[in-house]
N, C-alpha and C. Protein backbone atom coordinates (compact mmCIF):
# COMPACT_ATOMS: atom_id res chain seq x y z
N MET A 1 0.82 -1.20 0.00
CA MET A 1 0.00 0.00 0.00
C MET A 1 0.86 1.26 0.00
N LYS A 2 1.99 1.20 0.64
CA LYS A 2 2.88 2.36 0.68
C LYS A 2 3.27 2.78 -0.74
N ASP A 3 3.48 1.79 -1.61
CA ASP A 3 3.84 2.09 -2.99
C ASP A 3 2.76 2.91 -3.69
N LEU A 4 1.50 2.64 -3.37
CA LEU A 4 0.40 3.39 -3.98
C LEU A 4 0.46 4.85 -3.58
N ALA A 5 0.75 5.11 -2.30
CA ALA A 5 0.85 6.49 -1.82
C ALA A 5 2.01 7.21 -2.51
N ILE A 6 3.11 6.51 -2.70
CA ILE A 6 4.28 7.10 -3.37
C ILE A 6 3.95 7.41 -4.83
N GLN A 7 3.31 6.46 -5.50
CA GLN A 7 2.95 6.67 -6.91
C GLN A 7 1.95 7.82 -7.06
N PHE A 8 0.97 7.88 -6.16
CA PHE A 8 0.01 8.98 -6.20
C PHE A 8 0.74 10.31 -6.01
N GLY A 9 1.63 10.36 -5.03
CA GLY A 9 2.38 11.58 -4.75
C GLY A 9 3.22 12.03 -5.93
N MET A 10 3.83 11.08 -6.61
CA MET A 10 4.65 11.43 -7.78
C MET A 10 3.79 12.01 -8.90
N LYS A 11 2.63 11.40 -9.13
CA LYS A 11 1.74 11.90 -10.17
C LYS A 11 1.20 13.28 -9.80
N LEU A 12 0.89 13.46 -8.52
CA LEU A 12 0.40 14.75 -8.04
C LEU A 12 1.46 15.83 -8.26
N ARG A 13 2.69 15.54 -7.89
CA ARG A 13 3.79 16.50 -8.06
C ARG A 13 4.02 16.82 -9.54
N ASP A 14 4.04 15.77 -10.37
CA ASP A 14 4.25 15.97 -11.80
C ASP A 14 3.16 16.87 -12.39
N LYS A 15 1.91 16.61 -12.03
CA LYS A 15 0.80 17.41 -12.55
C LYS A 15 0.91 18.86 -12.07
N ARG A 16 1.21 19.03 -10.79
CA ARG A 16 1.33 20.38 -10.22
C ARG A 16 2.44 21.16 -10.92
N LYS A 17 3.59 20.51 -11.10
CA LYS A 17 4.72 21.18 -11.74
C LYS A 17 4.43 21.48 -13.21
N SER A 18 3.71 20.59 -13.88
CA SER A 18 3.40 20.83 -15.29
C SER A 18 2.52 22.06 -15.46
N LEU A 19 1.78 22.40 -14.42
CA LEU A 19 0.94 23.60 -14.44
C LEU A 19 1.69 24.84 -13.96
N GLY A 20 2.91 24.65 -13.49
CA GLY A 20 3.69 25.76 -12.97
C GLY A 20 3.16 26.28 -11.64
N MET A 21 2.50 25.40 -10.90
CA MET A 21 1.89 25.80 -9.63
C MET A 21 2.83 25.44 -8.48
N SER A 22 2.96 26.35 -7.54
CA SER A 22 3.79 26.08 -6.38
C SER A 22 3.05 25.15 -5.41
N GLN A 23 3.82 24.48 -4.60
CA GLN A 23 3.22 23.62 -3.58
C GLN A 23 2.39 24.45 -2.61
N ASP A 24 2.88 25.65 -2.30
CA ASP A 24 2.14 26.54 -1.40
C ASP A 24 0.76 26.89 -1.97
N LYS A 25 0.71 27.22 -3.26
CA LYS A 25 -0.56 27.59 -3.87
C LYS A 25 -1.51 26.41 -3.91
N MET A 26 -1.00 25.23 -4.29
CA MET A 26 -1.84 24.05 -4.33
C MET A 26 -2.42 23.77 -2.94
N ALA A 27 -1.57 23.84 -1.92
CA ALA A 27 -2.02 23.58 -0.56
C ALA A 27 -3.09 24.59 -0.13
N LEU A 28 -2.88 25.84 -0.46
CA LEU A 28 -3.85 26.88 -0.10
C LEU A 28 -5.20 26.62 -0.76
N LEU A 29 -5.17 26.33 -2.06
CA LEU A 29 -6.42 26.09 -2.80
C LEU A 29 -7.13 24.81 -2.34
N ALA A 30 -6.34 23.82 -1.90
CA ALA A 30 -6.92 22.54 -1.45
C ALA A 30 -7.24 22.55 0.04
N ASP A 31 -6.96 23.66 0.70
CA ASP A 31 -7.23 23.81 2.12
C ASP A 31 -6.50 22.77 2.98
N VAL A 32 -5.21 22.60 2.66
CA VAL A 32 -4.34 21.74 3.48
C VAL A 32 -3.08 22.53 3.83
N ASP A 33 -2.42 22.13 4.88
CA ASP A 33 -1.17 22.75 5.27
C ASP A 33 -0.10 22.42 4.23
N ARG A 34 0.80 23.35 3.95
CA ARG A 34 1.83 23.13 2.96
C ARG A 34 2.70 21.93 3.31
N SER A 35 3.01 21.75 4.58
CA SER A 35 3.84 20.61 4.97
C SER A 35 3.09 19.29 4.73
N TYR A 36 1.77 19.31 4.90
CA TYR A 36 0.97 18.12 4.62
C TYR A 36 0.97 17.83 3.12
N ALA A 37 0.88 18.87 2.31
CA ALA A 37 0.94 18.70 0.85
C ALA A 37 2.27 18.06 0.46
N GLY A 38 3.34 18.48 1.10
CA GLY A 38 4.65 17.89 0.84
C GLY A 38 4.70 16.42 1.24
N ARG A 39 4.08 16.09 2.35
CA ARG A 39 4.03 14.70 2.80
C ARG A 39 3.21 13.85 1.84
N ILE A 40 2.14 14.42 1.27
CA ILE A 40 1.34 13.69 0.28
C ILE A 40 2.20 13.42 -0.95
N GLU A 41 2.90 14.44 -1.42
CA GLU A 41 3.72 14.29 -2.62
C GLU A 41 4.86 13.29 -2.42
N ARG A 42 5.35 13.16 -1.20
CA ARG A 42 6.43 12.20 -0.92
C ARG A 42 5.89 10.81 -0.60
N GLY A 43 4.56 10.66 -0.55
CA GLY A 43 3.96 9.37 -0.28
C GLY A 43 4.06 8.94 1.17
N GLU A 44 4.18 9.90 2.06
CA GLU A 44 4.33 9.59 3.48
C GLU A 44 3.00 9.43 4.21
N VAL A 45 1.90 9.82 3.57
CA VAL A 45 0.58 9.72 4.19
C VAL A 45 -0.41 9.11 3.21
N ASN A 46 -1.42 8.48 3.74
CA ASN A 46 -2.54 8.00 2.94
C ASN A 46 -3.66 9.03 3.08
N ILE A 47 -4.18 9.46 1.96
CA ILE A 47 -5.22 10.49 2.02
C ILE A 47 -6.58 9.86 1.71
N THR A 48 -7.62 10.60 2.04
CA THR A 48 -8.98 10.14 1.77
C THR A 48 -9.32 10.35 0.30
N LEU A 49 -10.32 9.64 -0.15
CA LEU A 49 -10.81 9.85 -1.51
C LEU A 49 -11.29 11.28 -1.70
N GLU A 50 -11.91 11.81 -0.67
CA GLU A 50 -12.40 13.19 -0.73
C GLU A 50 -11.24 14.15 -1.01
N LYS A 51 -10.13 13.95 -0.33
CA LYS A 51 -8.97 14.83 -0.52
C LYS A 51 -8.35 14.62 -1.90
N ALA A 52 -8.35 13.38 -2.40
CA ALA A 52 -7.83 13.11 -3.74
C ALA A 52 -8.65 13.86 -4.78
N TYR A 53 -9.96 13.82 -4.64
CA TYR A 53 -10.83 14.54 -5.59
C TYR A 53 -10.64 16.05 -5.46
N GLN A 54 -10.45 16.52 -4.24
CA GLN A 54 -10.24 17.95 -4.01
C GLN A 54 -8.93 18.41 -4.68
N LEU A 55 -7.88 17.63 -4.54
CA LEU A 55 -6.60 17.97 -5.17
C LEU A 55 -6.73 17.95 -6.69
N ALA A 56 -7.44 16.96 -7.22
CA ALA A 56 -7.64 16.89 -8.67
C ALA A 56 -8.39 18.13 -9.16
N GLU A 57 -9.38 18.55 -8.41
CA GLU A 57 -10.14 19.75 -8.80
C GLU A 57 -9.25 20.98 -8.82
N VAL A 58 -8.41 21.11 -7.80
CA VAL A 58 -7.48 22.24 -7.73
C VAL A 58 -6.53 22.24 -8.93
N LEU A 59 -6.12 21.04 -9.36
CA LEU A 59 -5.20 20.92 -10.49
C LEU A 59 -5.92 20.88 -11.83
N GLY A 60 -7.24 20.94 -11.80
CA GLY A 60 -8.02 20.98 -13.03
C GLY A 60 -7.95 19.69 -13.85
N CYS A 61 -7.90 18.57 -13.16
CA CYS A 61 -7.83 17.29 -13.86
C CYS A 61 -8.81 16.31 -13.26
N ASP A 62 -8.97 15.18 -13.93
CA ASP A 62 -9.79 14.10 -13.41
C ASP A 62 -8.94 13.32 -12.41
N VAL A 63 -9.54 12.87 -11.35
CA VAL A 63 -8.79 12.14 -10.32
C VAL A 63 -8.09 10.92 -10.90
N LYS A 64 -8.62 10.36 -12.00
CA LYS A 64 -7.99 9.19 -12.63
C LYS A 64 -6.57 9.49 -13.08
N GLU A 65 -6.30 10.75 -13.40
CA GLU A 65 -4.94 11.12 -13.84
C GLU A 65 -3.92 11.02 -12.70
N LEU A 66 -4.41 11.07 -11.47
CA LEU A 66 -3.52 11.04 -10.32
C LEU A 66 -3.38 9.66 -9.71
N LEU A 67 -4.32 8.78 -10.02
CA LEU A 67 -4.30 7.45 -9.42
C LEU A 67 -3.25 6.56 -10.09
N PRO A 68 -2.59 5.73 -9.27
CA PRO A 68 -1.59 4.80 -9.82
C PRO A 68 -2.22 3.76 -10.72
């Protein structure tokens, strides 16, 4: 399961960077702490489906693009 969190985090980071969005801005728009956003991107935490959909919305993509 840890691998899934890492893969999700990598896809999240790649999508965010492709949009030229800072981690701070993504965290602000998704209503999460910036350090928590960093932990998500590094695959250190498991997030809820609700948070996955919220992050996808902030990045303007379908959640399927972020799932491993």
